Amino acid sequence: MARPLRITYQGAVHHVTIRGNDRRTIFLVNGDRERFQDKLAESVRLYDIRLYLFAQMQNHVHLVLETPQDNLSRFMHRLQTAYTVYFNRKQRRSGHLLQGRFGSTLVDEDEYILKLSRYVHLNPVFVKAHAQKTDRERVQILRSYPWSSYRSYIGHSPHLDFVEYAPILTMMGRPKKKQPATYRRFVEAGIRDMDAAFIETKRQSRFCIGSDERQERAQAMYLERVQEHDKKEDVSFCRMGSYQPIDQVLSTALAVLEVPVEALSHRSMNSMLRPVVAYALCRYAGCTQRAVAEVLGLQSGVAVSLQIKRLHERMKSDKQLQGLVERLNHQLTLMEHRELSS
């Protein structure tokens, strides 16, 4: 059966689900959950994703995120592959760990994004093991659950640097310091009963969580895409393999940085040369972090991950660096589009 096209565009907000193959467990120990979270953080930084919230369950994961650059499939491919490689090596197994195709649904309008956040964050207490527990017990379980973004939303743990809290918390009104407590009350109001109206809205359309008007618009967008493409394949899935040659990405990055290739062998504590090149090779050449480590002469893939994290942190305060990375993204995206259209 042909796979339905995904509706994706710049700035779209998606509810994404990742499930274990045949609904099998994908996290055996806490170390697995920690590794998945590390890979999630890396992928968010690498693909400029705005991750609003997440919840890791035993055999599936929920993500609510925005894609400013319309690169959902590439982001998800990298995340799922990185975690599967880790898990298979650890368990000395091969084959598929995750269900072949991740689920994604557009989320339109603030009201629905807010209700979805409650639905996702409440997932840990809506399992069979907690069905007979009292409301007080369920609240305690929710507030102590370490494998979602909820604790950091309500101020019970520090903010995670790869999660964007403002889009949800600003819906809680003013003053800002009371937003976490207001959000906590909003979520925990559903500790026993999920929002039935929201659940029904969520089930109505496979394309969009939103009002009837927004669902109709999403349906129209889907039909338009079907008419535009003869191939009965997911367009974003087809693009996933269109990575550029390593030499081409490397030469483009060096040209934008205005440095010779020999500069890669010179180490400097404050230099952003290696972090920028590592970012470009992972994102546009599809290199593993281990492969990038070999190109840049670093000791391990972990070192590459730290380089990309360092770049992400520096860009928050360095406008010049932001502009440089934007130019690099522009150049490599243009080259990618030329290859796709040729």
Protein backbone atom coordinates (compact mmCIF):
# COMPACT_ATOMS: atom_id res chain seq x y z
CA MET A 1 0.00 0.00 0.00
CA ALA A 2 1.33 3.45 -0.91
CA ARG A 3 2.30 5.63 2.00
CA PRO A 4 0.29 8.87 2.41
CA LEU A 5 2.20 12.09 1.86
CA ARG A 6 3.23 14.08 4.90
CA ILE A 7 2.07 17.67 5.20
CA THR A 8 5.15 19.66 6.14
CA TYR A 9 6.17 23.28 5.69
CA GLN A 10 8.42 25.89 7.29
CA GLY A 11 7.21 26.81 10.75
CA ALA A 12 4.79 23.87 11.06
CA VAL A 13 4.14 22.45 14.53
CA HIS A 14 3.94 18.64 14.69
CA HIS A 15 2.92 16.01 17.20
CA VAL A 16 5.39 13.21 16.49
CA THR A 17 5.23 9.66 17.83
CA ILE A 18 7.98 7.03 17.72
CA ARG A 19 6.98 3.45 18.54
CA GLY A 20 8.83 0.23 19.09
CA ASN A 21 8.55 -2.32 16.30
CA ASP A 22 5.51 -4.51 17.06
CA ARG A 23 5.03 -2.26 20.13
CA ARG A 24 8.08 -3.77 21.80
CA THR A 25 9.97 -2.07 24.62
CA ILE A 26 12.59 0.39 23.37
CA PHE A 27 14.02 1.40 26.77
CA LEU A 28 15.28 -1.49 28.90
CA VAL A 29 17.14 0.52 31.54
CA ASN A 30 17.43 4.18 32.53
CA GLY A 31 20.72 4.41 30.65
CA ASP A 32 18.79 3.78 27.43
CA ARG A 33 16.45 6.67 28.20
CA GLU A 34 19.41 8.92 28.95
CA ARG A 35 21.06 8.01 25.67
CA PHE A 36 17.87 8.68 23.72
CA GLN A 37 17.58 12.08 25.40
CA ASP A 38 21.19 12.84 24.50
CA LYS A 39 20.52 11.92 20.85
CA LEU A 40 17.35 14.01 20.91
CA ALA A 41 19.28 17.04 22.17
CA GLU A 42 22.00 16.55 19.54
CA SER A 43 19.47 16.24 16.70
CA VAL A 44 17.51 19.29 17.86
CA ARG A 45 20.70 21.39 17.73
CA LEU A 46 21.85 19.91 14.45
CA TYR A 47 18.60 20.54 12.56
CA ASP A 48 17.51 23.78 14.27
CA ILE A 49 14.34 22.19 15.61
CA ARG A 50 12.21 23.97 18.21
CA LEU A 51 11.28 21.19 20.63
CA TYR A 52 8.39 22.29 22.82
CA LEU A 53 8.02 19.17 24.98
CA PHE A 54 8.49 15.40 25.08
CA ALA A 55 7.55 12.28 27.02
CA GLN A 56 9.43 8.97 26.93
CA MET A 57 7.28 5.94 27.68
CA GLN A 58 8.34 2.28 27.76
CA ASN A 59 7.62 1.44 24.12
CA HIS A 60 7.01 4.84 22.53
CA VAL A 61 7.94 8.52 22.63
CA HIS A 62 5.90 11.69 22.13
CA LEU A 63 7.46 14.89 20.75
CA VAL A 64 5.82 18.26 20.10
CA LEU A 65 8.05 20.37 17.91
CA GLU A 66 8.28 23.11 15.31
CA THR A 67 10.31 22.86 12.09
CA PRO A 68 11.45 26.37 11.06
CA GLN A 69 13.30 24.85 8.08
CA ASP A 70 10.81 22.16 6.99
CA ASN A 71 13.21 19.30 7.71
CA LEU A 72 11.11 16.96 9.86
CA SER A 73 11.98 13.73 8.03
CA ARG A 74 15.69 14.37 8.01
CA PHE A 75 15.65 15.25 11.72
CA MET A 76 13.66 12.13 12.58
CA HIS A 77 15.81 9.89 10.38
CA ARG A 78 18.92 11.04 12.20
CA LEU A 79 17.35 10.67 15.66
CA GLN A 80 15.90 7.21 15.07
CA THR A 81 19.03 5.89 13.36
CA ALA A 82 21.35 7.19 16.09
CA TYR A 83 19.32 5.57 18.86
CA THR A 84 18.81 2.29 16.99
CA VAL A 85 22.55 1.96 16.33
CA TYR A 86 23.26 2.52 20.03
CA PHE A 87 20.59 0.04 21.19
CA ASN A 88 21.54 -2.70 18.72
CA ARG A 89 25.23 -2.47 19.60
CA LYS A 90 24.48 -2.60 23.31
CA GLN A 91 22.12 -5.56 23.02
CA ARG A 92 24.21 -7.29 20.31
CA ARG A 93 21.21 -7.47 18.03
CA SER A 94 20.39 -6.38 14.49
CA GLY A 95 17.33 -5.37 12.57
CA HIS A 96 14.58 -2.86 13.21
CA LEU A 97 14.03 -1.52 16.70
CA LEU A 98 11.52 1.19 15.86
CA GLN A 99 8.33 1.05 13.82
CA GLY A 100 9.32 1.81 10.24
CA ARG A 101 7.56 5.14 9.91
CA PHE A 102 7.18 7.71 12.66
CA GLY A 103 3.78 9.27 13.13
CA SER A 104 3.28 13.00 12.64
CA THR A 105 0.22 15.23 12.81
CA LEU A 106 0.05 18.99 12.31
CA VAL A 107 -1.08 20.99 15.32
CA ASP A 108 -2.81 24.25 14.48
CA GLU A 109 -3.90 27.06 16.82
CA ASP A 110 -2.56 27.80 20.30
CA GLU A 111 -5.57 26.27 22.06
CA TYR A 112 -4.84 22.86 20.57
CA ILE A 113 -1.08 23.08 21.12
CA LEU A 114 -1.76 23.80 24.80
CA LYS A 115 -4.22 20.91 25.17
CA LEU A 116 -1.83 18.60 23.35
CA SER A 117 0.92 19.53 25.80
CA ARG A 118 -1.34 18.41 28.66
CA TYR A 119 -2.17 15.17 26.84
CA VAL A 120 1.52 14.37 26.25
CA HIS A 121 2.67 15.30 29.74
CA LEU A 122 -0.10 13.21 31.34
CA ASN A 123 0.90 10.06 29.45
CA PRO A 124 3.03 8.63 32.31
CA VAL A 125 0.03 8.34 34.64
CA PHE A 126 -2.45 7.01 32.08
CA VAL A 127 -1.05 3.49 32.06
CA LYS A 128 -2.53 0.29 33.48
CA ALA A 129 -0.11 0.20 36.41
CA HIS A 130 -1.55 3.45 37.79
CA ALA A 131 -5.22 3.01 36.88
CA GLN A 132 -6.33 2.17 40.45
CA LYS A 133 -4.20 4.76 42.22
CA THR A 134 -5.73 7.80 43.92
CA ASP A 135 -5.54 11.26 42.39
CA ARG A 136 -2.95 12.27 44.99
CA GLU A 137 -0.79 9.28 44.14
CA ARG A 138 -1.09 9.99 40.42
CA VAL A 139 -0.02 13.60 40.95
CA GLN A 140 3.02 12.45 42.91
CA ILE A 141 3.95 10.00 40.15
CA LEU A 142 3.59 12.69 37.49
CA ARG A 143 5.66 15.26 39.37
CA SER A 144 8.45 12.75 40.01
CA TYR A 145 8.54 11.21 36.50
CA PRO A 146 12.04 12.02 35.18
CA TRP A 147 11.63 11.05 31.52
CA SER A 148 9.53 13.92 30.21
CA SER A 149 9.80 17.71 30.11
CA TYR A 150 7.01 18.16 32.70
CA ARG A 151 9.17 18.52 35.82
CA SER A 152 11.23 21.26 34.17
CA TYR A 153 8.03 23.02 33.03
CA ILE A 154 6.67 23.29 36.57
CA GLY A 155 9.95 24.26 38.21
CA HIS A 156 10.74 20.92 39.89
CA SER A 157 13.95 20.57 37.89
CA PRO A 158 16.13 22.97 35.84
CA HIS A 159 15.15 23.89 32.29
CA LEU A 160 16.62 21.63 29.61
CA ASP A 161 18.71 23.60 27.15
CA PHE A 162 17.23 21.83 24.11
CA VAL A 163 13.57 22.51 25.00
CA GLU A 164 11.72 25.73 24.09
CA TYR A 165 9.47 26.56 27.06
CA ALA A 166 8.25 30.04 26.12
CA PRO A 167 5.63 29.11 23.46
CA ILE A 168 3.65 27.06 26.01
CA LEU A 169 4.31 29.04 29.18
CA THR A 170 3.44 32.42 27.67
CA MET A 171 -0.08 31.07 27.16
CA MET A 172 -0.34 31.04 30.97
CA GLY A 173 -0.47 34.83 31.10
CA ARG A 174 1.35 37.20 33.40
CA PRO A 175 3.31 37.57 35.61
CA LYS A 176 6.04 35.38 34.18
CA LYS A 177 7.13 33.99 37.55
CA LYS A 178 3.68 32.45 38.09
CA GLN A 179 3.52 30.71 34.70
CA PRO A 180 5.00 27.35 35.89
CA ALA A 181 2.45 27.09 38.74
CA THR A 182 -0.42 28.06 36.43
CA TYR A 183 0.69 25.45 33.90
CA ARG A 184 0.95 22.82 36.67
CA ARG A 185 -2.66 23.48 37.69
CA PHE A 186 -3.77 23.31 34.06
CA VAL A 187 -2.12 19.93 33.45
CA GLU A 188 -3.03 18.33 36.75
CA ALA A 189 -6.68 19.29 36.33
CA GLY A 190 -6.75 16.30 33.98
CA ILE A 191 -5.02 13.87 36.35
CA ARG A 192 -8.06 11.58 36.42
CA ASP A 193 -9.96 12.37 33.24
CA MET A 194 -8.39 13.33 29.93
CA ASP A 195 -10.05 16.08 27.91
CA ALA A 196 -12.63 14.00 26.03
CA ALA A 197 -13.39 16.77 23.52
CA PHE A 198 -9.70 17.15 22.70
CA ILE A 199 -9.23 13.38 22.31
CA GLU A 200 -12.15 13.30 19.88
CA THR A 201 -10.68 16.22 17.90
CA LYS A 202 -7.35 14.40 17.81
CA ARG A 203 -9.02 11.33 16.33
CA GLN A 204 -11.07 13.18 13.73
CA SER A 205 -8.26 13.86 11.28
CA ARG A 206 -4.99 12.07 10.59
CA PHE A 207 -3.62 15.31 9.13
CA CYS A 208 -4.25 18.02 11.72
CA ILE A 209 -5.23 18.63 15.34
CA GLY A 210 -7.27 21.81 15.24
CA SER A 211 -10.64 23.37 14.50
CA ASP A 212 -12.91 22.07 11.74
CA GLU A 213 -11.69 24.89 9.50
CA ARG A 214 -8.02 24.01 10.07
CA GLN A 215 -8.69 20.31 9.51
CA GLU A 216 -10.39 21.11 6.22
CA ARG A 217 -7.44 23.25 5.20
CA ALA A 218 -5.02 20.42 6.03
CA GLN A 219 -7.14 18.00 4.01
CA ALA A 220 -7.02 20.41 1.05
CA MET A 221 -3.22 20.70 1.38
CA TYR A 222 -2.94 16.93 1.36
CA LEU A 223 -5.10 16.55 -1.77
CA GLU A 224 -3.07 19.25 -3.50
CA ARG A 225 0.14 17.39 -2.76
CA VAL A 226 -1.29 14.14 -4.05
CA GLN A 227 -2.17 15.85 -7.33
CA GLU A 228 1.27 17.47 -7.61
CA HIS A 229 3.24 14.25 -7.22
CA ASP A 230 2.87 11.22 -9.41
CA LYS A 231 4.97 9.00 -7.18
CA LYS A 232 3.02 7.41 -4.38
CA GLU A 233 5.82 8.01 -1.93
CA ASP A 234 6.31 10.35 0.98
CA VAL A 235 8.08 13.36 -0.54
CA SER A 236 10.08 14.11 2.56
CA PHE A 237 11.05 10.42 2.81
CA CYS A 238 12.33 10.47 -0.77
CA ARG A 239 14.48 13.51 -0.02
CA MET A 240 16.03 11.89 2.98
CA GLY A 241 18.77 10.22 0.99
CA SER A 242 19.79 13.38 -0.89
CA TYR A 243 22.84 14.14 1.23
CA GLN A 244 25.70 15.91 -0.50
CA PRO A 245 29.24 14.56 -0.97
CA ILE A 246 31.55 15.12 1.99
CA ASP A 247 34.15 16.94 -0.12
CA GLN A 248 31.50 19.29 -1.48
CA VAL A 249 30.13 20.16 1.97
CA LEU A 250 33.61 20.57 3.40
CA SER A 251 34.80 22.87 0.59
CA THR A 252 31.63 24.99 0.84
CA ALA A 253 32.03 25.33 4.61
CA LEU A 254 35.68 26.35 4.28
CA ALA A 255 34.78 28.88 1.57
CA VAL A 256 32.13 30.49 3.77
CA LEU A 257 34.53 30.51 6.71
CA GLU A 258 37.25 31.90 4.40
CA VAL A 259 39.93 29.53 5.66
CA PRO A 260 42.12 26.90 3.94
CA VAL A 261 41.70 23.20 4.65
CA GLU A 262 44.98 23.24 6.60
CA ALA A 263 43.25 25.33 9.26
CA LEU A 264 41.35 22.26 10.43
CA SER A 265 44.56 20.82 11.89
CA HIS A 266 45.21 23.92 14.02
CA ARG A 267 43.65 23.73 17.45
CA SER A 268 42.41 26.85 19.20
CA MET A 269 40.32 26.96 22.37
CA ASN A 270 37.89 29.65 21.19
CA SER A 271 37.80 28.83 17.49
CA MET A 272 34.41 27.96 15.98
CA LEU A 273 35.99 26.43 12.86
CA ARG A 274 35.67 22.79 13.87
CA PRO A 275 32.21 23.15 15.42
CA VAL A 276 30.85 24.79 12.24
CA VAL A 277 32.42 22.19 9.95
CA ALA A 278 31.20 19.34 12.18
CA TYR A 279 27.67 20.79 12.07
CA ALA A 280 27.76 21.06 8.26
CA LEU A 281 29.10 17.54 7.71
CA CYS A 282 26.51 15.93 10.01
CA ARG A 283 23.59 17.91 8.66
CA TYR A 284 24.29 18.18 4.93
CA ALA A 285 26.59 15.21 4.21
CA GLY A 286 24.73 12.86 6.55
CA CYS A 287 27.97 11.86 8.28
CA THR A 288 27.95 9.97 11.55
CA GLN A 289 29.72 11.72 14.39
CA ARG A 290 32.38 9.02 14.30
CA ALA A 291 33.03 9.77 10.60
CA VAL A 292 33.24 13.51 11.32
CA ALA A 293 35.74 12.79 14.10
CA GLU A 294 37.99 11.10 11.55
CA VAL A 295 37.71 14.03 9.13
CA LEU A 296 38.50 16.60 11.81
CA GLY A 297 41.09 14.58 13.69
CA LEU A 298 39.02 14.37 16.87
CA GLN A 299 39.21 11.44 19.26
CA SER A 300 35.61 10.25 19.15
CA GLY A 301 32.04 10.87 18.09
CA VAL A 302 31.38 12.22 21.59
CA ALA A 303 33.90 14.98 20.91
CA VAL A 304 31.95 15.90 17.76
CA SER A 305 28.72 16.03 19.76
CA LEU A 306 30.35 18.42 22.21
CA GLN A 307 31.61 20.59 19.35
CA ILE A 308 28.08 20.95 17.94
CA LYS A 309 26.67 21.69 21.40
CA ARG A 310 29.36 24.35 21.85
CA LEU A 311 28.37 25.93 18.54
CA HIS A 312 24.70 25.97 19.55
CA GLU A 313 25.49 27.67 22.88
CA ARG A 314 27.82 30.25 21.32
CA MET A 315 25.28 31.21 18.66
CA LYS A 316 22.82 32.32 21.35
CA SER A 317 24.98 35.36 22.11
CA ASP A 318 27.20 35.75 19.02
CA LYS A 319 25.31 37.54 16.22
CA GLN A 320 28.28 37.35 13.87
CA LEU A 321 28.46 33.57 14.27
CA GLN A 322 24.71 33.34 13.71
CA GLY A 323 25.10 35.21 10.42
CA LEU A 324 27.96 32.97 9.32
CA VAL A 325 25.96 29.78 9.97
CA GLU A 326 22.95 31.28 8.19
CA ARG A 327 25.11 31.96 5.11
CA LEU A 328 26.44 28.42 5.24
CA ASN A 329 22.91 26.99 5.51
CA HIS A 330 21.82 29.14 2.58
CA GLN A 331 24.69 28.02 0.36
CA LEU A 332 24.28 24.32 1.12
CA THR A 333 20.49 24.43 0.84
CA LEU A 334 20.77 26.03 -2.60
CA MET A 335 23.14 23.27 -3.70
CA GLU A 336 20.77 20.65 -2.31
CA HIS A 337 17.83 22.13 -4.23
CA ARG A 338 19.82 22.19 -7.46
CA GLU A 339 20.58 18.48 -7.07
CA LEU A 340 16.94 17.65 -6.34
CA SER A 341 15.73 19.54 -9.41
CA SER A 342 18.37 18.15 -11.77
